[in-house]
Amino acid sequence: MSQPDTANDPYADQRNAPRNNLLLSSVCHWPNRQLDERVKIRNVSATGLMAEGTLGATVGEQVVLELRNIGAIEGIVAWVQSNRFGVAFARPIDPVLLRTPADVSAKQNETRDYYQRGPVSVLNRQDETRPDRLRRI
């Protein structure tokens, strides 16, 4: 495998940011090709990520990634090794948001009445305690 060329790469300094290893599926839009691809994100930092895809990325190519709890983030392919590629983000992100389950961050301030009350079968228990409804064995 060839190593990324850091001497002529303006994004090389951004790859020194601490990485969070994870495995996450995402949609990658390739604007120049007008294609979308489902990719696996292997690790992420505030300034970039490593992804794995099948369409064959090219260094310098623009991408737009749909990231959970963050939304669309633009970036440029910084390096390519086989089917893996690195993306340098156009703006920094908070990588902790990717580890948060999607429904928790989206509904943080909503009340959870259903789960606090319980399912309907639990709420209507008074019928089961009536003596005329009990069956002796």
N, C-alpha and C. Protein backbone atom coordinates (compact mmCIF):
# COMPACT_ATOMS: atom_id res chain seq x y z
N MET A 1 0.83 -1.18 0.00
CA MET A 1 0.00 0.00 0.00
C MET A 1 0.87 1.24 0.00
N SER A 2 0.44 2.21 -0.76
CA SER A 2 1.20 3.46 -0.80
C SER A 2 0.76 4.37 0.34
N GLN A 3 1.70 5.13 0.85
CA GLN A 3 1.41 6.07 1.92
C GLN A 3 0.97 7.39 1.32
N PRO A 4 0.14 8.16 2.02
CA PRO A 4 -0.26 9.46 1.52
C PRO A 4 0.94 10.38 1.37
N ASP A 5 0.95 11.20 0.33
CA ASP A 5 2.03 12.14 0.08
C ASP A 5 1.79 13.38 0.94
N THR A 6 2.52 13.47 2.06
CA THR A 6 2.31 14.58 2.98
C THR A 6 3.09 15.82 2.59
N ALA A 7 4.10 15.71 1.74
CA ALA A 7 4.91 16.86 1.36
C ALA A 7 4.11 17.86 0.53
N ASN A 8 3.27 17.38 -0.38
CA ASN A 8 2.50 18.26 -1.27
C ASN A 8 1.02 18.28 -0.93
N ASP A 9 0.67 17.82 0.24
CA ASP A 9 -0.74 17.70 0.61
C ASP A 9 -1.12 18.79 1.61
N PRO A 10 -1.99 19.75 1.22
CA PRO A 10 -2.38 20.82 2.15
C PRO A 10 -3.22 20.32 3.32
N TYR A 11 -3.75 19.09 3.25
CA TYR A 11 -4.60 18.56 4.31
C TYR A 11 -3.84 17.66 5.27
N ALA A 12 -2.55 17.48 5.06
CA ALA A 12 -1.76 16.57 5.88
C ALA A 12 -1.75 16.98 7.34
N ASP A 13 -1.67 18.28 7.62
CA ASP A 13 -1.62 18.72 9.02
C ASP A 13 -2.93 18.43 9.74
N GLN A 14 -4.06 18.34 9.03
CA GLN A 14 -5.35 18.08 9.66
C GLN A 14 -5.48 16.62 10.10
N ARG A 15 -4.69 15.72 9.52
CA ARG A 15 -4.79 14.31 9.88
C ARG A 15 -4.15 14.02 11.22
N ASN A 16 -3.55 15.01 11.86
CA ASN A 16 -2.94 14.81 13.17
C ASN A 16 -3.95 14.95 14.30
N ALA A 17 -5.17 15.33 13.98
CA ALA A 17 -6.21 15.49 15.01
C ALA A 17 -6.54 14.13 15.61
N PRO A 18 -6.88 14.08 16.90
CA PRO A 18 -7.24 12.80 17.53
C PRO A 18 -8.45 12.16 16.85
N ARG A 19 -8.36 10.86 16.61
CA ARG A 19 -9.41 10.13 15.91
C ARG A 19 -10.23 9.30 16.87
N ASN A 20 -11.51 9.19 16.59
CA ASN A 20 -12.42 8.32 17.32
C ASN A 20 -12.76 7.16 16.41
N ASN A 21 -12.39 5.95 16.79
CA ASN A 21 -12.73 4.77 16.00
C ASN A 21 -14.19 4.43 16.19
N LEU A 22 -14.86 4.14 15.09
CA LEU A 22 -16.26 3.72 15.12
C LEU A 22 -16.58 3.08 13.79
N LEU A 23 -17.71 2.45 13.70
CA LEU A 23 -18.19 1.89 12.45
C LEU A 23 -19.60 2.41 12.25
N LEU A 24 -19.76 3.23 11.22
CA LEU A 24 -21.02 3.91 11.00
C LEU A 24 -21.29 3.96 9.51
N SER A 25 -22.52 3.74 9.12
CA SER A 25 -22.91 3.83 7.72
C SER A 25 -23.37 5.25 7.42
N SER A 26 -23.05 5.73 6.22
CA SER A 26 -23.41 7.09 5.83
C SER A 26 -23.62 7.14 4.32
N VAL A 27 -24.29 8.18 3.88
CA VAL A 27 -24.44 8.41 2.44
C VAL A 27 -23.43 9.45 2.02
N CYS A 28 -22.69 9.13 0.97
CA CYS A 28 -21.68 10.03 0.42
C CYS A 28 -22.16 10.50 -0.96
N HIS A 29 -22.33 11.80 -1.11
CA HIS A 29 -22.72 12.38 -2.39
C HIS A 29 -21.45 12.80 -3.12
N TRP A 30 -21.34 12.40 -4.37
CA TRP A 30 -20.22 12.80 -5.22
C TRP A 30 -20.77 13.83 -6.22
N PRO A 31 -20.70 15.13 -5.90
CA PRO A 31 -21.33 16.15 -6.76
C PRO A 31 -20.81 16.16 -8.19
N ASN A 32 -19.51 15.97 -8.39
CA ASN A 32 -18.96 16.00 -9.76
C ASN A 32 -19.44 14.83 -10.60
N ARG A 33 -19.71 13.71 -9.97
CA ARG A 33 -20.18 12.53 -10.69
C ARG A 33 -21.71 12.43 -10.69
N GLN A 34 -22.36 13.22 -9.85
CA GLN A 34 -23.80 13.16 -9.65
C GLN A 34 -24.24 11.76 -9.24
N LEU A 35 -23.49 11.21 -8.27
CA LEU A 35 -23.77 9.88 -7.74
C LEU A 35 -23.85 9.93 -6.23
N ASP A 36 -24.57 8.99 -5.66
CA ASP A 36 -24.62 8.79 -4.22
C ASP A 36 -24.14 7.38 -3.94
N GLU A 37 -23.47 7.22 -2.81
CA GLU A 37 -22.93 5.91 -2.43
C GLU A 37 -23.06 5.74 -0.92
N ARG A 38 -23.41 4.54 -0.50
CA ARG A 38 -23.40 4.23 0.93
C ARG A 38 -21.97 3.82 1.28
N VAL A 39 -21.39 4.50 2.28
CA VAL A 39 -20.02 4.22 2.70
C VAL A 39 -20.01 3.83 4.17
N LYS A 40 -18.93 3.17 4.58
CA LYS A 40 -18.70 2.84 5.98
C LYS A 40 -17.67 3.84 6.52
N ILE A 41 -18.01 4.51 7.59
CA ILE A 41 -17.07 5.41 8.24
C ILE A 41 -16.33 4.60 9.29
N ARG A 42 -15.00 4.61 9.22
CA ARG A 42 -14.17 3.81 10.12
C ARG A 42 -13.65 4.61 11.31
N ASN A 43 -13.30 5.87 11.09
CA ASN A 43 -12.89 6.73 12.20
C ASN A 43 -13.17 8.17 11.83
N VAL A 44 -13.23 9.03 12.83
CA VAL A 44 -13.61 10.42 12.60
C VAL A 44 -12.89 11.31 13.60
N SER A 45 -12.59 12.52 13.18
CA SER A 45 -12.07 13.55 14.07
C SER A 45 -12.87 14.83 13.79
N ALA A 46 -12.51 15.90 14.45
CA ALA A 46 -13.20 17.17 14.23
C ALA A 46 -12.95 17.71 12.83
N THR A 47 -11.84 17.32 12.20
CA THR A 47 -11.48 17.90 10.91
C THR A 47 -11.58 16.94 9.73
N GLY A 48 -11.89 15.66 9.99
CA GLY A 48 -11.98 14.72 8.87
C GLY A 48 -12.36 13.33 9.31
N LEU A 49 -12.39 12.42 8.34
CA LEU A 49 -12.75 11.04 8.63
C LEU A 49 -12.11 10.10 7.62
N MET A 50 -12.15 8.81 7.95
CA MET A 50 -11.75 7.77 7.01
C MET A 50 -13.00 6.96 6.68
N ALA A 51 -13.24 6.77 5.41
CA ALA A 51 -14.40 6.02 4.95
C ALA A 51 -13.97 4.91 4.00
N GLU A 52 -14.88 3.99 3.79
CA GLU A 52 -14.64 2.87 2.89
C GLU A 52 -15.81 2.79 1.92
N GLY A 53 -15.50 2.83 0.63
CA GLY A 53 -16.55 2.78 -0.38
C GLY A 53 -16.13 1.98 -1.59
N THR A 54 -17.01 1.90 -2.56
CA THR A 54 -16.75 1.06 -3.74
C THR A 54 -16.59 1.85 -5.04
N LEU A 55 -16.91 3.14 -5.04
CA LEU A 55 -16.89 3.91 -6.29
C LEU A 55 -15.51 4.41 -6.69
N GLY A 56 -14.53 4.31 -5.82
CA GLY A 56 -13.19 4.74 -6.17
C GLY A 56 -13.02 6.24 -6.09
N ALA A 57 -12.61 6.72 -4.94
CA ALA A 57 -12.40 8.16 -4.73
C ALA A 57 -11.13 8.62 -5.42
N THR A 58 -11.06 9.92 -5.69
CA THR A 58 -9.89 10.53 -6.29
C THR A 58 -9.45 11.68 -5.40
N VAL A 59 -8.15 11.79 -5.15
CA VAL A 59 -7.63 12.87 -4.31
C VAL A 59 -8.03 14.21 -4.90
N GLY A 60 -8.55 15.09 -4.05
CA GLY A 60 -8.98 16.41 -4.47
C GLY A 60 -10.44 16.49 -4.88
N GLU A 61 -11.11 15.37 -4.94
CA GLU A 61 -12.52 15.34 -5.34
C GLU A 61 -13.41 15.84 -4.20
N GLN A 62 -14.44 16.59 -4.55
CA GLN A 62 -15.38 17.10 -3.55
C GLN A 62 -16.38 16.02 -3.19
N VAL A 63 -16.75 15.99 -1.90
CA VAL A 63 -17.77 15.06 -1.40
C VAL A 63 -18.67 15.80 -0.42
N VAL A 64 -19.88 15.28 -0.27
CA VAL A 64 -20.79 15.76 0.76
C VAL A 64 -21.27 14.52 1.49
N LEU A 65 -21.00 14.46 2.79
CA LEU A 65 -21.37 13.30 3.60
C LEU A 65 -22.56 13.65 4.48
N GLU A 66 -23.53 12.74 4.55
CA GLU A 66 -24.67 12.89 5.45
C GLU A 66 -24.31 12.20 6.75
N LEU A 67 -24.02 12.97 7.78
CA LEU A 67 -23.59 12.40 9.05
C LEU A 67 -24.72 12.48 10.08
N ARG A 68 -24.91 11.40 10.78
CA ARG A 68 -25.95 11.31 11.81
C ARG A 68 -25.76 12.40 12.85
N ASN A 69 -26.85 13.08 13.20
CA ASN A 69 -26.90 14.15 14.19
C ASN A 69 -26.15 15.41 13.79
N ILE A 70 -25.53 15.42 12.62
CA ILE A 70 -24.78 16.60 12.15
C ILE A 70 -25.40 17.13 10.87
N GLY A 71 -25.78 16.23 9.97
CA GLY A 71 -26.34 16.63 8.68
C GLY A 71 -25.28 16.57 7.60
N ALA A 72 -25.52 17.34 6.56
CA ALA A 72 -24.61 17.35 5.41
C ALA A 72 -23.35 18.14 5.75
N ILE A 73 -22.21 17.55 5.49
CA ILE A 73 -20.93 18.22 5.70
C ILE A 73 -20.09 18.06 4.43
N GLU A 74 -19.58 19.17 3.93
CA GLU A 74 -18.77 19.15 2.72
C GLU A 74 -17.32 18.86 3.08
N GLY A 75 -16.63 18.27 2.12
CA GLY A 75 -15.22 17.98 2.32
C GLY A 75 -14.53 17.67 1.00
N ILE A 76 -13.24 17.42 1.11
CA ILE A 76 -12.42 17.08 -0.05
C ILE A 76 -11.66 15.81 0.26
N VAL A 77 -11.57 14.90 -0.70
CA VAL A 77 -10.82 13.67 -0.52
C VAL A 77 -9.34 14.04 -0.39
N ALA A 78 -8.75 13.68 0.76
CA ALA A 78 -7.37 14.04 1.04
C ALA A 78 -6.39 12.94 0.67
N TRP A 79 -6.82 11.68 0.75
CA TRP A 79 -5.95 10.56 0.40
C TRP A 79 -6.81 9.36 0.04
N VAL A 80 -6.20 8.43 -0.70
CA VAL A 80 -6.90 7.21 -1.12
C VAL A 80 -5.93 6.05 -0.99
N GLN A 81 -6.41 4.97 -0.39
CA GLN A 81 -5.67 3.71 -0.32
C GLN A 81 -6.66 2.58 -0.56
N SER A 82 -6.56 1.95 -1.71
CA SER A 82 -7.47 0.87 -2.09
C SER A 82 -8.91 1.38 -2.08
N ASN A 83 -9.80 0.77 -1.30
CA ASN A 83 -11.19 1.23 -1.26
C ASN A 83 -11.46 2.18 -0.09
N ARG A 84 -10.41 2.56 0.64
CA ARG A 84 -10.55 3.51 1.75
C ARG A 84 -10.04 4.88 1.32
N PHE A 85 -10.66 5.90 1.88
CA PHE A 85 -10.25 7.26 1.56
C PHE A 85 -10.45 8.17 2.76
N GLY A 86 -9.66 9.22 2.80
CA GLY A 86 -9.78 10.20 3.87
C GLY A 86 -10.44 11.46 3.35
N VAL A 87 -11.27 12.06 4.18
CA VAL A 87 -11.97 13.29 3.81
C VAL A 87 -11.57 14.37 4.80
N ALA A 88 -11.16 15.53 4.28
CA ALA A 88 -10.90 16.71 5.10
C ALA A 88 -12.15 17.58 5.02
N PHE A 89 -12.75 17.86 6.19
CA PHE A 89 -13.98 18.63 6.23
C PHE A 89 -13.72 20.09 5.90
N ALA A 90 -14.72 20.74 5.32
CA ALA A 90 -14.66 22.17 5.03
C ALA A 90 -14.77 22.99 6.32
N ARG A 91 -15.46 22.43 7.32
CA ARG A 91 -15.58 23.09 8.62
C ARG A 91 -15.51 22.01 9.70
N PRO A 92 -15.00 22.34 10.87
CA PRO A 92 -14.90 21.34 11.94
C PRO A 92 -16.27 20.89 12.43
N ILE A 93 -16.32 19.67 12.94
CA ILE A 93 -17.55 19.10 13.51
C ILE A 93 -17.26 18.64 14.94
N ASP A 94 -18.30 18.28 15.66
CA ASP A 94 -18.15 17.67 16.98
C ASP A 94 -18.32 16.17 16.81
N PRO A 95 -17.23 15.38 16.84
CA PRO A 95 -17.34 13.94 16.59
C PRO A 95 -18.16 13.19 17.64
N VAL A 96 -18.33 13.76 18.82
CA VAL A 96 -19.13 13.11 19.87
C VAL A 96 -20.58 12.94 19.41
N LEU A 97 -21.06 13.86 18.58
CA LEU A 97 -22.45 13.78 18.10
C LEU A 97 -22.70 12.51 17.29
N LEU A 98 -21.67 12.00 16.61
CA LEU A 98 -21.85 10.79 15.81
C LEU A 98 -22.06 9.56 16.69
N ARG A 99 -21.56 9.59 17.90
CA ARG A 99 -21.72 8.46 18.81
C ARG A 99 -23.05 8.49 19.55
N THR A 100 -23.74 9.63 19.54
CA THR A 100 -25.03 9.77 20.20
C THR A 100 -26.10 9.12 19.33
N PRO A 101 -26.94 8.26 19.89
CA PRO A 101 -28.02 7.69 19.08
C PRO A 101 -28.87 8.78 18.45
N ALA A 102 -29.30 8.57 17.23
CA ALA A 102 -30.00 9.59 16.46
C ALA A 102 -31.26 10.09 17.14
N ASP A 103 -32.06 9.19 17.71
CA ASP A 103 -33.32 9.62 18.30
C ASP A 103 -33.11 10.38 19.61
N VAL A 104 -32.00 10.18 20.30
CA VAL A 104 -31.77 10.88 21.56
C VAL A 104 -31.46 12.34 21.31
N SER A 105 -30.56 12.65 20.40
CA SER A 105 -30.20 14.05 20.17
C SER A 105 -31.34 14.81 19.49
N ALA A 106 -32.11 14.15 18.64
CA ALA A 106 -33.19 14.82 17.93
C ALA A 106 -34.37 15.11 18.84
N LYS A 107 -34.58 14.27 19.87
CA LYS A 107 -35.75 14.40 20.73
C LYS A 107 -35.36 14.67 22.18
N GLN A 108 -34.25 15.31 22.41
CA GLN A 108 -33.76 15.50 23.77
C GLN A 108 -34.75 16.25 24.65
N ASN A 109 -35.43 17.24 24.11
CA ASN A 109 -36.30 18.07 24.92
C ASN A 109 -37.76 17.63 24.91
N GLU A 110 -38.08 16.58 24.18
CA GLU A 110 -39.46 16.10 24.12
C GLU A 110 -39.77 15.23 25.34
N THR A 111 -41.01 15.28 25.78
CA THR A 111 -41.42 14.38 26.85
C THR A 111 -41.66 13.01 26.27
N ARG A 112 -41.47 12.01 27.05
CA ARG A 112 -41.62 10.64 26.57
C ARG A 112 -42.82 10.01 27.27
N ASP A 113 -44.02 10.58 27.03
CA ASP A 113 -45.23 10.13 27.70
C ASP A 113 -45.46 8.62 27.56
N TYR A 114 -45.32 8.12 26.35
CA TYR A 114 -45.63 6.71 26.12
C TYR A 114 -44.79 5.82 27.04
N TYR A 115 -43.50 6.09 27.12
CA TYR A 115 -42.62 5.25 27.92
C TYR A 115 -42.80 5.50 29.42
N GLN A 116 -43.21 6.69 29.79
CA GLN A 116 -43.44 6.96 31.20
C GLN A 116 -44.73 6.30 31.68
N ARG A 117 -45.74 6.25 30.83
CA ARG A 117 -47.02 5.67 31.21
C ARG A 117 -47.02 4.16 31.05
N GLY A 118 -46.31 3.65 30.09
CA GLY A 118 -46.33 2.23 29.80
C GLY A 118 -47.31 1.91 28.70
N PRO A 119 -47.26 0.72 28.16
CA PRO A 119 -48.19 0.33 27.10
C PRO A 119 -49.62 0.23 27.63
N VAL A 120 -50.57 0.25 26.72
CA VAL A 120 -51.99 0.24 27.08
C VAL A 120 -52.34 -0.99 27.91
N SER A 121 -51.77 -2.14 27.61
CA SER A 121 -52.10 -3.35 28.36
C SER A 121 -51.74 -3.22 29.83
N VAL A 122 -50.74 -2.45 30.15
CA VAL A 122 -50.35 -2.23 31.53
C VAL A 122 -51.30 -1.24 32.19
N LEU A 123 -51.77 -0.26 31.45
CA LEU A 123 -52.64 0.77 32.01
C LEU A 123 -54.02 0.24 32.38
N ASN A 124 -54.49 -0.77 31.70
CA ASN A 124 -55.84 -1.30 31.93
C ASN A 124 -55.82 -2.53 32.83
N ARG A 125 -54.99 -2.57 33.82
CA ARG A 125 -54.87 -3.72 34.71
C ARG A 125 -56.05 -3.87 35.66
N GLN A 126 -56.85 -2.83 35.90
CA GLN A 126 -57.95 -2.94 36.84
C GLN A 126 -58.91 -4.05 36.43
N ASP A 127 -59.04 -4.33 35.14
CA ASP A 127 -59.92 -5.41 34.70
C ASP A 127 -59.42 -6.77 35.18
N GLU A 128 -58.12 -6.94 35.24
CA GLU A 128 -57.54 -8.22 35.62
C GLU A 128 -57.67 -8.49 37.12
N THR A 129 -57.87 -7.45 37.91
CA THR A 129 -57.94 -7.63 39.36
C THR A 129 -59.37 -7.79 39.87
N ARG A 130 -60.34 -7.65 39.00
CA ARG A 130 -61.74 -7.83 39.43
C ARG A 130 -61.98 -9.29 39.77
N PRO A 131 -62.66 -9.57 40.90
CA PRO A 131 -62.88 -10.96 41.31
C PRO A 131 -63.68 -11.77 40.28
N ASP A 132 -64.64 -11.15 39.62
CA ASP A 132 -65.44 -11.89 38.66
C ASP A 132 -64.64 -12.22 37.39
N ARG A 133 -63.47 -11.64 37.21
CA ARG A 133 -62.64 -11.91 36.03
C ARG A 133 -61.54 -12.92 36.31
N LEU A 134 -61.33 -13.23 37.59
CA LEU A 134 -60.26 -14.18 37.93
C LEU A 134 -60.74 -15.61 37.75
N ARG A 135 -59.86 -16.44 37.35
CA ARG A 135 -60.17 -17.83 37.14
C ARG A 135 -59.34 -18.66 38.09
N ARG A 136 -59.93 -19.52 38.82
CA ARG A 136 -59.20 -20.38 39.73
C ARG A 136 -58.79 -21.66 39.01
N ILE A 137 -57.61 -22.10 39.35
CA ILE A 137 -57.10 -23.32 38.72
C ILE A 137 -57.04 -24.44 39.73
